[in-house]
Structures are given as structure tokens and as C-alpha cells.
Amino acid sequence: MTVYIDPPTWPGHGRMWSHLVSDVSFAELHDFADRLGVPRRAFERDHYDIPSHRYADAVAAGAVEVSSRDVVRLLNGAGLRRPKGR
């Protein structure tokens, strides 16, 4: 199982956020998020929003650090990308 996380560079709600994704399936992503203790409400279309203070926890649990550009490439390559408005 491999999931990926980009740096916490996305602002929102007074903090910075990362995106946690899978390049295999949403089931794999949900399983990883459950083990990390991330609530399901943090799932948005094709990724989990992870606050910056949880970034190190995700990496320690096995998430692979990638760029934000790589996150989009991985989702597109797996056919899991769900853009807004669809």
C-alpha cells in the first residue's frame, strides 16, 4: 500500500493543508486515513485534506512525500481524479 502527500502549502480556515491521495483506489486511501485517525469528513472528492500539524504523522505512517504537481499526476494516472464541478 502506498499513499502520497504533498507539502502543507494550501491555505484554508486559518491554517495550511496537504493533500493525501492514493494511486490505486479510494478504499486504500480510506484505510490509510482510518489508521491515521483522520475523520471521513476530511475526504474531498479524491483526496483527504490533512492539516500541517498532522503532516509528519502521515509521513511516519508511510505516506510518500511528493509535490503538489505529482499529486495531480498520480490521481490522473490512476483514473481517480475528480475535479470540482463533476
N, C-alpha and C. Protein backbone atom coordinates (compact mmCIF):
# COMPACT_ATOMS: atom_id res chain seq x y z
N MET A 1 0.85 -1.18 0.00
CA MET A 1 0.00 0.00 0.00
C MET A 1 0.89 1.24 0.00
N THR A 2 0.66 2.13 -0.95
CA THR A 2 1.36 3.40 -0.98
C THR A 2 0.35 4.52 -1.13
N VAL A 3 0.44 5.48 -0.25
CA VAL A 3 -0.33 6.72 -0.39
C VAL A 3 0.69 7.85 -0.44
N TYR A 4 0.25 8.98 -0.93
CA TYR A 4 1.14 10.11 -1.18
C TYR A 4 0.59 11.35 -0.52
N ILE A 5 1.50 12.26 -0.15
CA ILE A 5 1.10 13.51 0.47
C ILE A 5 1.97 14.64 -0.07
N ASP A 6 1.33 15.77 -0.36
CA ASP A 6 2.08 16.93 -0.81
C ASP A 6 2.36 17.85 0.38
N PRO A 7 3.27 18.81 0.21
CA PRO A 7 3.61 19.70 1.34
C PRO A 7 2.39 20.53 1.77
N PRO A 8 2.35 20.93 3.03
CA PRO A 8 1.23 21.75 3.52
C PRO A 8 1.37 23.20 3.07
N THR A 9 0.99 23.45 1.82
CA THR A 9 1.12 24.80 1.25
C THR A 9 -0.22 25.39 0.83
N TRP A 10 -1.31 24.72 1.15
CA TRP A 10 -2.63 25.17 0.73
C TRP A 10 -3.35 25.83 1.91
N PRO A 11 -3.61 27.16 1.84
CA PRO A 11 -4.26 27.86 2.95
C PRO A 11 -5.76 27.61 3.02
N GLY A 12 -6.27 27.60 4.23
CA GLY A 12 -7.70 27.50 4.45
C GLY A 12 -8.03 27.43 5.92
N HIS A 13 -9.04 28.15 6.33
CA HIS A 13 -9.53 28.12 7.71
C HIS A 13 -8.42 28.45 8.71
N GLY A 14 -7.54 29.38 8.35
CA GLY A 14 -6.51 29.84 9.28
C GLY A 14 -5.34 28.91 9.46
N ARG A 15 -5.18 27.93 8.57
CA ARG A 15 -4.04 27.02 8.66
C ARG A 15 -3.63 26.58 7.26
N MET A 16 -2.58 25.78 7.21
CA MET A 16 -2.08 25.27 5.94
C MET A 16 -2.42 23.77 5.85
N TRP A 17 -2.64 23.30 4.62
CA TRP A 17 -3.13 21.94 4.39
C TRP A 17 -2.31 21.20 3.34
N SER A 18 -2.28 19.88 3.47
CA SER A 18 -1.71 18.97 2.49
C SER A 18 -2.85 18.14 1.91
N HIS A 19 -2.54 17.44 0.81
CA HIS A 19 -3.49 16.52 0.20
C HIS A 19 -2.92 15.11 0.28
N LEU A 20 -3.71 14.19 0.78
CA LEU A 20 -3.34 12.79 0.90
C LEU A 20 -4.10 12.02 -0.16
N VAL A 21 -3.38 11.28 -1.03
CA VAL A 21 -4.02 10.57 -2.14
C VAL A 21 -3.48 9.16 -2.28
N SER A 22 -4.21 8.36 -3.02
CA SER A 22 -3.78 7.01 -3.41
C SER A 22 -3.68 6.98 -4.93
N ASP A 23 -2.79 6.14 -5.45
CA ASP A 23 -2.72 5.94 -6.89
C ASP A 23 -3.29 4.56 -7.26
N VAL A 24 -4.02 3.95 -6.30
CA VAL A 24 -4.60 2.62 -6.53
C VAL A 24 -6.13 2.65 -6.41
N SER A 25 -6.62 3.11 -5.25
CA SER A 25 -8.07 3.09 -5.03
C SER A 25 -8.46 3.99 -3.86
N PHE A 26 -9.73 4.35 -3.83
CA PHE A 26 -10.24 5.11 -2.69
C PHE A 26 -10.30 4.22 -1.44
N ALA A 27 -10.51 2.93 -1.63
CA ALA A 27 -10.53 2.00 -0.49
C ALA A 27 -9.17 2.03 0.22
N GLU A 28 -8.08 2.00 -0.56
CA GLU A 28 -6.74 2.08 0.03
C GLU A 28 -6.56 3.39 0.78
N LEU A 29 -7.01 4.47 0.18
CA LEU A 29 -6.88 5.79 0.80
C LEU A 29 -7.68 5.87 2.09
N HIS A 30 -8.93 5.39 2.07
CA HIS A 30 -9.76 5.42 3.27
C HIS A 30 -9.16 4.55 4.39
N ASP A 31 -8.61 3.41 4.02
CA ASP A 31 -7.99 2.53 5.00
C ASP A 31 -6.81 3.23 5.69
N PHE A 32 -5.96 3.87 4.90
CA PHE A 32 -4.81 4.58 5.47
C PHE A 32 -5.29 5.71 6.38
N ALA A 33 -6.25 6.49 5.90
CA ALA A 33 -6.77 7.61 6.69
C ALA A 33 -7.39 7.11 8.00
N ASP A 34 -8.11 5.99 7.95
CA ASP A 34 -8.70 5.42 9.17
C ASP A 34 -7.61 5.06 10.17
N ARG A 35 -6.55 4.40 9.68
CA ARG A 35 -5.45 4.00 10.57
C ARG A 35 -4.73 5.22 11.15
N LEU A 36 -4.72 6.31 10.40
CA LEU A 36 -4.08 7.55 10.86
C LEU A 36 -4.99 8.33 11.80
N GLY A 37 -6.28 7.97 11.85
CA GLY A 37 -7.24 8.67 12.70
C GLY A 37 -7.79 9.94 12.07
N VAL A 38 -7.76 10.00 10.75
CA VAL A 38 -8.30 11.16 10.03
C VAL A 38 -9.80 10.95 9.83
N PRO A 39 -10.62 11.91 10.23
CA PRO A 39 -12.07 11.73 10.09
C PRO A 39 -12.50 11.72 8.62
N ARG A 40 -13.53 10.96 8.32
CA ARG A 40 -14.02 10.83 6.94
C ARG A 40 -14.46 12.19 6.39
N ARG A 41 -14.86 13.12 7.24
CA ARG A 41 -15.28 14.43 6.76
C ARG A 41 -14.13 15.20 6.10
N ALA A 42 -12.89 14.76 6.30
CA ALA A 42 -11.74 15.41 5.68
C ALA A 42 -11.53 14.94 4.24
N PHE A 43 -12.34 13.97 3.78
CA PHE A 43 -12.25 13.49 2.40
C PHE A 43 -13.01 14.45 1.49
N GLU A 44 -12.33 14.89 0.43
CA GLU A 44 -12.95 15.82 -0.51
C GLU A 44 -12.74 15.33 -1.94
N ARG A 45 -13.74 14.70 -2.50
CA ARG A 45 -13.79 14.20 -3.88
C ARG A 45 -12.77 13.10 -4.19
N ASP A 46 -11.46 13.40 -4.07
CA ASP A 46 -10.44 12.42 -4.46
C ASP A 46 -9.22 12.44 -3.55
N HIS A 47 -9.32 13.17 -2.44
CA HIS A 47 -8.19 13.28 -1.52
C HIS A 47 -8.68 13.61 -0.11
N TYR A 48 -7.79 13.43 0.84
CA TYR A 48 -8.04 13.90 2.20
C TYR A 48 -7.27 15.18 2.41
N ASP A 49 -7.90 16.16 3.05
CA ASP A 49 -7.20 17.37 3.48
C ASP A 49 -6.58 17.08 4.83
N ILE A 50 -5.26 17.27 4.91
CA ILE A 50 -4.51 16.99 6.13
C ILE A 50 -3.90 18.29 6.64
N PRO A 51 -4.21 18.70 7.88
CA PRO A 51 -3.63 19.94 8.39
C PRO A 51 -2.13 19.79 8.61
N SER A 52 -1.43 20.91 8.51
CA SER A 52 0.04 20.89 8.58
C SER A 52 0.57 20.21 9.83
N HIS A 53 -0.13 20.33 10.95
CA HIS A 53 0.37 19.71 12.18
C HIS A 53 0.27 18.18 12.15
N ARG A 54 -0.42 17.60 11.17
CA ARG A 54 -0.52 16.14 11.01
C ARG A 54 0.35 15.60 9.88
N TYR A 55 1.04 16.49 9.16
CA TYR A 55 1.87 16.09 8.03
C TYR A 55 2.92 15.05 8.44
N ALA A 56 3.67 15.33 9.49
CA ALA A 56 4.72 14.41 9.95
C ALA A 56 4.12 13.07 10.38
N ASP A 57 2.93 13.09 10.96
CA ASP A 57 2.26 11.83 11.35
C ASP A 57 1.97 10.97 10.12
N ALA A 58 1.50 11.61 9.05
CA ALA A 58 1.19 10.88 7.83
C ALA A 58 2.45 10.27 7.22
N VAL A 59 3.52 11.04 7.21
CA VAL A 59 4.79 10.54 6.65
C VAL A 59 5.33 9.40 7.52
N ALA A 60 5.26 9.55 8.83
CA ALA A 60 5.73 8.49 9.73
C ALA A 60 4.91 7.21 9.56
N ALA A 61 3.64 7.35 9.18
CA ALA A 61 2.77 6.19 8.98
C ALA A 61 2.98 5.54 7.60
N GLY A 62 3.80 6.19 6.75
CA GLY A 62 4.12 5.58 5.47
C GLY A 62 3.75 6.36 4.23
N ALA A 63 3.14 7.53 4.38
CA ALA A 63 2.82 8.34 3.20
C ALA A 63 4.12 8.83 2.56
N VAL A 64 4.17 8.77 1.24
CA VAL A 64 5.34 9.19 0.49
C VAL A 64 5.19 10.67 0.13
N GLU A 65 6.22 11.44 0.43
CA GLU A 65 6.21 12.88 0.14
C GLU A 65 6.42 13.12 -1.35
N VAL A 66 5.51 13.88 -1.95
CA VAL A 66 5.60 14.25 -3.36
C VAL A 66 5.19 15.72 -3.51
N SER A 67 5.42 16.27 -4.69
CA SER A 67 5.00 17.64 -4.95
C SER A 67 3.49 17.69 -5.22
N SER A 68 2.93 18.88 -5.16
CA SER A 68 1.51 19.05 -5.48
C SER A 68 1.24 18.68 -6.92
N ARG A 69 2.16 18.96 -7.79
CA ARG A 69 2.03 18.58 -9.19
C ARG A 69 1.97 17.06 -9.34
N ASP A 70 2.79 16.37 -8.55
CA ASP A 70 2.79 14.90 -8.58
C ASP A 70 1.46 14.33 -8.09
N VAL A 71 0.84 14.98 -7.11
CA VAL A 71 -0.46 14.51 -6.61
C VAL A 71 -1.47 14.45 -7.76
N VAL A 72 -1.53 15.51 -8.54
CA VAL A 72 -2.47 15.56 -9.66
C VAL A 72 -2.09 14.51 -10.70
N ARG A 73 -0.81 14.37 -11.00
CA ARG A 73 -0.35 13.38 -11.97
C ARG A 73 -0.72 11.96 -11.52
N LEU A 74 -0.51 11.66 -10.24
CA LEU A 74 -0.83 10.34 -9.71
C LEU A 74 -2.33 10.04 -9.79
N LEU A 75 -3.15 11.02 -9.41
CA LEU A 75 -4.60 10.83 -9.47
C LEU A 75 -5.07 10.63 -10.91
N ASN A 76 -4.56 11.44 -11.82
CA ASN A 76 -4.94 11.30 -13.23
C ASN A 76 -4.51 9.95 -13.78
N GLY A 77 -3.29 9.54 -13.47
CA GLY A 77 -2.76 8.28 -13.96
C GLY A 77 -3.55 7.09 -13.46
N ALA A 78 -4.11 7.19 -12.26
CA ALA A 78 -4.90 6.09 -11.69
C ALA A 78 -6.37 6.16 -12.07
N GLY A 79 -6.76 7.25 -12.76
CA GLY A 79 -8.16 7.42 -13.10
C GLY A 79 -9.03 7.79 -11.91
N LEU A 80 -8.41 8.34 -10.86
CA LEU A 80 -9.14 8.68 -9.63
C LEU A 80 -9.41 10.17 -9.48
N ARG A 81 -8.96 10.97 -10.41
CA ARG A 81 -9.13 12.43 -10.30
C ARG A 81 -10.60 12.77 -10.44
N ARG A 82 -11.11 13.56 -9.49
CA ARG A 82 -12.49 14.04 -9.51
C ARG A 82 -12.47 15.55 -9.35
N PRO A 83 -12.32 16.30 -10.44
CA PRO A 83 -12.26 17.76 -10.33
C PRO A 83 -13.56 18.36 -9.79
N LYS A 84 -13.46 19.55 -9.23
CA LYS A 84 -14.66 20.24 -8.75
C LYS A 84 -15.64 20.42 -9.90
N GLY A 85 -16.90 20.35 -9.57
CA GLY A 85 -17.95 20.57 -10.55
C GLY A 85 -18.35 19.32 -11.32
N ARG A 86 -17.80 18.17 -10.93
CA ARG A 86 -18.17 16.93 -11.63
C ARG A 86 -18.80 15.94 -10.67
